[in-house]
Amino acid sequence: MMGVDCHPTIEIHVHVQFVVHTMKRHFNMLAL
């Protein structure tokens, strides 16, 4: 986390969005 001066909160938000998207995709594949 150190050394990231730009926008750490935005990077965390993007990472969370990516994880949620991946989880949803896996869940949809399992549901099908």
PDB file of N, CA and C in Angstrom:
ATOM      1  N   MET A   1       0.840  -1.202   0.000  1.00  0.00           N
ATOM      2  CA  MET A   1       0.000   0.000   0.000  1.00  0.00           C
ATOM      3  C   MET A   1       0.870   1.246   0.000  1.00  0.00           C
ATOM      4  N   MET A   2       2.066   1.138   0.545  1.00  0.00           N
ATOM      5  CA  MET A   2       2.980   2.274   0.534  1.00  0.00           C
ATOM      6  C   MET A   2       3.509   2.485  -0.883  1.00  0.00           C
ATOM      7  N   GLY A   3       3.787   3.725  -1.222  1.00  0.00           N
ATOM      8  CA  GLY A   3       4.337   4.020  -2.535  1.00  0.00           C
ATOM      9  C   GLY A   3       3.258   4.328  -3.562  1.00  0.00           C
ATOM     10  N   VAL A   4       1.995   4.121  -3.186  1.00  0.00           N
ATOM     11  CA  VAL A   4       0.901   4.437  -4.109  1.00  0.00           C
ATOM     12  C   VAL A   4       0.352   5.808  -3.721  1.00  0.00           C
ATOM     13  N   ASP A   5       0.812   6.842  -4.432  1.00  0.00           N
ATOM     14  CA  ASP A   5       0.417   8.203  -4.069  1.00  0.00           C
ATOM     15  C   ASP A   5      -0.839   8.645  -4.827  1.00  0.00           C
ATOM     16  N   CYS A   6      -1.074   8.036  -6.006  1.00  0.00           N
ATOM     17  CA  CYS A   6      -2.109   8.547  -6.906  1.00  0.00           C
ATOM     18  C   CYS A   6      -3.487   8.491  -6.256  1.00  0.00           C
ATOM     19  N   HIS A   7      -4.134   7.342  -6.342  1.00  0.00           N
ATOM     20  CA  HIS A   7      -5.494   7.202  -5.814  1.00  0.00           C
ATOM     21  C   HIS A   7      -5.672   5.785  -5.273  1.00  0.00           C
ATOM     22  N   PRO A   8      -5.156   5.492  -4.088  1.00  0.00           N
ATOM     23  CA  PRO A   8      -5.268   4.133  -3.546  1.00  0.00           C
ATOM     24  C   PRO A   8      -6.720   3.697  -3.381  1.00  0.00           C
ATOM     25  N   THR A   9      -7.591   4.637  -3.008  1.00  0.00           N
ATOM     26  CA  THR A   9      -8.992   4.259  -2.801  1.00  0.00           C
ATOM     27  C   THR A   9      -9.618   3.818  -4.110  1.00  0.00           C
ATOM     28  N   ILE A  10      -9.277   4.501  -5.206  1.00  0.00           N
ATOM     29  CA  ILE A  10      -9.836   4.125  -6.511  1.00  0.00           C
ATOM     30  C   ILE A  10      -9.308   2.753  -6.910  1.00  0.00           C
ATOM     31  N   GLU A  11      -8.026   2.500  -6.649  1.00  0.00           N
ATOM     32  CA  GLU A  11      -7.464   1.192  -7.008  1.00  0.00           C
ATOM     33  C   GLU A  11      -8.156   0.092  -6.218  1.00  0.00           C
ATOM     34  N   ILE A  12      -8.406   0.346  -4.925  1.00  0.00           N
ATOM     35  CA  ILE A  12      -9.098  -0.651  -4.095  1.00  0.00           C
ATOM     36  C   ILE A  12     -10.512  -0.869  -4.636  1.00  0.00           C
ATOM     37  N   HIS A  13     -11.180   0.224  -5.002  1.00  0.00           N
ATOM     38  CA  HIS A  13     -12.546   0.124  -5.515  1.00  0.00           C
ATOM     39  C   HIS A  13     -12.571  -0.711  -6.792  1.00  0.00           C
ATOM     40  N   VAL A  14     -11.612  -0.460  -7.689  1.00  0.00           N
ATOM     41  CA  VAL A  14     -11.550  -1.213  -8.948  1.00  0.00           C
ATOM     42  C   VAL A  14     -11.295  -2.683  -8.657  1.00  0.00           C
ATOM     43  N   HIS A  15     -10.408  -2.958  -7.697  1.00  0.00           N
ATOM     44  CA  HIS A  15     -10.101  -4.349  -7.353  1.00  0.00           C
ATOM     45  C   HIS A  15     -11.343  -5.046  -6.798  1.00  0.00           C
ATOM     46  N   VAL A  16     -12.076  -4.358  -5.929  1.00  0.00           N
ATOM     47  CA  VAL A  16     -13.294  -4.944  -5.349  1.00  0.00           C
ATOM     48  C   VAL A  16     -14.317  -5.210  -6.453  1.00  0.00           C
ATOM     49  N   GLN A  17     -14.469  -4.237  -7.362  1.00  0.00           N
ATOM     50  CA  GLN A  17     -15.414  -4.420  -8.461  1.00  0.00           C
ATOM     51  C   GLN A  17     -15.033  -5.637  -9.301  1.00  0.00           C
ATOM     52  N   PHE A  18     -13.721  -5.797  -9.549  1.00  0.00           N
ATOM     53  CA  PHE A  18     -13.251  -6.927 -10.353  1.00  0.00           C
ATOM     54  C   PHE A  18     -13.549  -8.247  -9.652  1.00  0.00           C
ATOM     55  N   VAL A  19     -13.296  -8.288  -8.343  1.00  0.00           N
ATOM     56  CA  VAL A  19     -13.551  -9.515  -7.582  1.00  0.00           C
ATOM     57  C   VAL A  19     -15.047  -9.836  -7.598  1.00  0.00           C
ATOM     58  N   VAL A  20     -15.877  -8.825  -7.379  1.00  0.00           N
ATOM     59  CA  VAL A  20     -17.330  -9.052  -7.364  1.00  0.00           C
ATOM     60  C   VAL A  20     -17.786  -9.553  -8.735  1.00  0.00           C
ATOM     61  N   HIS A  21     -17.251  -8.941  -9.800  1.00  0.00           N
ATOM     62  CA  HIS A  21     -17.637  -9.349 -11.151  1.00  0.00           C
ATOM     63  C   HIS A  21     -17.243 -10.807 -11.398  1.00  0.00           C
ATOM     64  N   THR A  22     -16.035 -11.173 -10.968  1.00  0.00           N
ATOM     65  CA  THR A  22     -15.563 -12.548 -11.172  1.00  0.00           C
ATOM     66  C   THR A  22     -16.440 -13.521 -10.385  1.00  0.00           C
ATOM     67  N   MET A  23     -16.764 -13.157  -9.141  1.00  0.00           N
ATOM     68  CA  MET A  23     -17.598 -14.034  -8.316  1.00  0.00           C
ATOM     69  C   MET A  23     -18.968 -14.212  -8.968  1.00  0.00           C
ATOM     70  N   LYS A  24     -19.538 -13.127  -9.476  1.00  0.00           N
ATOM     71  CA  LYS A  24     -20.849 -13.217 -10.122  1.00  0.00           C
ATOM     72  C   LYS A  24     -20.783 -14.129 -11.335  1.00  0.00           C
ATOM     73  N   ARG A  25     -19.697 -14.014 -12.117  1.00  0.00           N
ATOM     74  CA  ARG A  25     -19.572 -14.826 -13.315  1.00  0.00           C
ATOM     75  C   ARG A  25     -19.469 -16.306 -12.945  1.00  0.00           C
ATOM     76  N   HIS A  26     -18.674 -16.610 -11.916  1.00  0.00           N
ATOM     77  CA  HIS A  26     -18.542 -18.002 -11.482  1.00  0.00           C
ATOM     78  C   HIS A  26     -19.883 -18.514 -10.959  1.00  0.00           C
ATOM     79  N   PHE A  27     -20.586 -17.658 -10.221  1.00  0.00           N
ATOM     80  CA  PHE A  27     -21.881 -18.070  -9.672  1.00  0.00           C
ATOM     81  C   PHE A  27     -22.868 -18.356 -10.799  1.00  0.00           C
ATOM     82  N   ASN A  28     -22.850 -17.515 -11.842  1.00  0.00           N
ATOM     83  CA  ASN A  28     -23.749 -17.735 -12.976  1.00  0.00           C
ATOM     84  C   ASN A  28     -23.417 -19.036 -13.680  1.00  0.00           C
ATOM     85  N   MET A  29     -22.133 -19.344 -13.832  1.00  0.00           N
ATOM     86  CA  MET A  29     -21.735 -20.589 -14.484  1.00  0.00           C
ATOM     87  C   MET A  29     -22.184 -21.782 -13.652  1.00  0.00           C
ATOM     88  N   LEU A  30     -22.083 -21.648 -12.322  1.00  0.00           N
ATOM     89  CA  LEU A  30     -22.532 -22.748 -11.456  1.00  0.00           C
ATOM     90  C   LEU A  30     -24.051 -22.871 -11.504  1.00  0.00           C
ATOM     91  N   ALA A  31     -24.732 -21.732 -11.582  1.00  0.00           N
ATOM     92  CA  ALA A  31     -26.191 -21.759 -11.610  1.00  0.00           C
ATOM     93  C   ALA A  31     -26.684 -22.438 -12.895  1.00  0.00           C
ATOM     94  N   LEU A  32     -25.971 -22.206 -13.992  1.00  0.00           N
ATOM     95  CA  LEU A  32     -26.372 -22.845 -15.243  1.00  0.00           C
ATOM     96  C   LEU A  32     -26.010 -24.322 -15.195  1.00  0.00           C
TER      97      LEU A  32
END
